[in-house]
Amino acid sequence: MSDEKQTETVIRNEPEQHRYVIEADGQEVGFTQYTDRGEQRVFLHTLIDPAQEGRGYGSTLMAGVLGQVRDAGLRAVPICPFMAGYLERHHEFDDVVDPATIELRASLR
């Protein structure tokens, strides 16, 4: 039997700051920033606290965020390399993902 404590994670959207935050046991350990373009939520940057890397928080954040995007009836666009890499390995979210077109990338500059 393991004595390891289960970490409680929460993923919260902070629309006024255009980001989703992941908390572990009440402490912020990472976030992903976005901007909205109509029905598309364009993900720009993801950061996990370097002291917390390797614990799966990035993957937990991506799965939670993409689930919330799906529930909101939005489309996810991965500009962020972290999210793009996650989506290459997790095809269960293909139904809510739009490609990051050259035109969209240019409009963000």
Protein backbone atom coordinates (compact mmCIF):
# COMPACT_ATOMS: atom_id res chain seq x y z
CA MET A 1 0.00 0.00 0.00
CA SER A 2 1.35 3.44 -0.94
CA ASP A 3 1.67 6.25 1.59
CA GLU A 4 1.83 8.86 -1.17
CA LYS A 5 -0.74 11.60 -0.83
CA GLN A 6 -2.97 12.17 -3.86
CA THR A 7 -2.53 15.71 -5.18
CA GLU A 8 -5.75 17.61 -5.80
CA THR A 9 -5.60 19.60 -9.03
CA VAL A 10 -7.99 22.30 -10.18
CA ILE A 11 -8.10 23.93 -13.61
CA ARG A 12 -9.71 27.34 -13.61
CA ASN A 13 -10.42 29.74 -16.44
CA GLU A 14 -9.52 33.37 -15.70
CA PRO A 15 -11.20 35.09 -18.68
CA GLU A 16 -10.25 38.60 -17.54
CA GLN A 17 -6.58 37.55 -17.82
CA HIS A 18 -7.12 35.32 -20.88
CA ARG A 19 -5.63 32.27 -19.26
CA TYR A 20 -6.38 28.93 -17.65
CA VAL A 21 -4.55 28.17 -14.41
CA ILE A 22 -3.72 24.80 -12.88
CA GLU A 23 -3.48 24.60 -9.11
CA ALA A 24 -2.09 21.67 -7.15
CA ASP A 25 -3.18 21.51 -3.53
CA GLY A 26 -4.20 25.18 -3.71
CA GLN A 27 -0.94 26.45 -5.22
CA GLU A 28 -0.68 27.73 -8.79
CA VAL A 29 1.77 25.53 -10.69
CA GLY A 30 1.15 26.63 -14.26
CA PHE A 31 -1.03 28.32 -16.84
CA THR A 32 -1.82 28.59 -20.52
CA GLN A 33 -2.64 31.93 -22.17
CA TYR A 34 -5.18 32.39 -24.95
CA THR A 35 -6.94 34.93 -27.12
CA ASP A 36 -10.35 34.50 -28.67
CA ARG A 37 -11.07 34.89 -32.40
CA GLY A 38 -14.80 34.34 -32.82
CA GLU A 39 -15.51 30.71 -31.93
CA GLN A 40 -11.80 29.88 -31.81
CA ARG A 41 -9.79 29.96 -28.61
CA VAL A 42 -6.20 30.45 -29.76
CA PHE A 43 -3.62 29.13 -27.29
CA LEU A 44 -0.44 31.20 -27.30
CA HIS A 45 1.81 30.11 -24.44
CA THR A 46 1.96 27.52 -21.66
CA LEU A 47 4.19 27.66 -18.61
CA ILE A 48 4.62 25.13 -15.81
CA ASP A 49 6.66 26.14 -12.76
CA PRO A 50 10.11 24.63 -13.36
CA ALA A 51 10.13 23.27 -9.79
CA GLN A 52 6.95 21.33 -10.64
CA GLU A 53 7.99 19.89 -14.02
CA GLY A 54 7.86 16.13 -14.51
CA ARG A 55 4.74 15.65 -12.39
CA GLY A 56 2.25 15.60 -15.25
CA TYR A 57 0.77 19.03 -14.57
CA GLY A 58 1.22 20.16 -18.17
CA SER A 59 -0.71 17.18 -19.53
CA THR A 60 -3.38 17.56 -16.84
CA LEU A 61 -3.73 21.23 -17.76
CA MET A 62 -4.03 20.49 -21.49
CA ALA A 63 -6.66 17.76 -21.00
CA GLY A 64 -8.69 19.95 -18.66
CA VAL A 65 -8.50 23.01 -20.88
CA LEU A 66 -9.45 21.10 -24.01
CA GLY A 67 -12.36 19.53 -22.18
CA GLN A 68 -13.56 22.98 -21.12
CA VAL A 69 -13.17 24.27 -24.68
CA ARG A 70 -15.27 21.35 -25.93
CA ASP A 71 -17.93 21.93 -23.26
CA ALA A 72 -18.13 25.63 -24.20
CA GLY A 73 -18.72 24.77 -27.87
CA LEU A 74 -15.48 26.47 -28.92
CA ARG A 75 -12.60 25.39 -31.17
CA ALA A 76 -8.99 25.18 -29.95
CA VAL A 77 -6.13 26.48 -32.08
CA PRO A 78 -2.67 25.47 -30.86
CA ILE A 79 -0.12 28.20 -31.55
CA CYS A 80 1.63 27.17 -28.32
CA PRO A 81 4.24 24.46 -29.02
CA PHE A 82 3.40 22.66 -25.78
CA MET A 83 -0.27 22.32 -26.70
CA ALA A 84 0.59 21.37 -30.30
CA GLY A 85 2.86 18.60 -29.02
CA TYR A 86 0.21 17.37 -26.62
CA LEU A 87 -2.36 17.22 -29.42
CA GLU A 88 0.00 15.18 -31.63
CA ARG A 89 -0.17 12.44 -28.97
CA HIS A 90 -3.81 12.84 -27.87
CA HIS A 91 -6.19 12.43 -30.78
CA GLU A 92 -9.24 12.29 -28.53
CA PHE A 93 -9.42 16.07 -28.95
CA ASP A 94 -9.21 16.13 -32.76
CA ASP A 95 -12.92 17.03 -32.94
CA VAL A 96 -12.35 20.44 -31.30
CA VAL A 97 -9.03 21.45 -32.90
CA ASP A 98 -8.53 23.82 -35.83
CA PRO A 99 -5.15 24.25 -37.53
CA ALA A 100 -3.00 27.28 -36.85
CA THR A 101 -3.12 28.82 -40.31
CA ILE A 102 -0.61 31.29 -41.69
CA GLU A 103 -3.37 33.92 -41.83
CA LEU A 104 -4.25 33.42 -38.18
CA ARG A 105 -0.62 33.56 -37.11
CA ALA A 106 -0.15 36.77 -39.09
CA SER A 107 -3.20 38.35 -37.47
CA LEU A 108 -1.68 37.84 -34.02
CA ARG A 109 1.40 39.93 -34.73
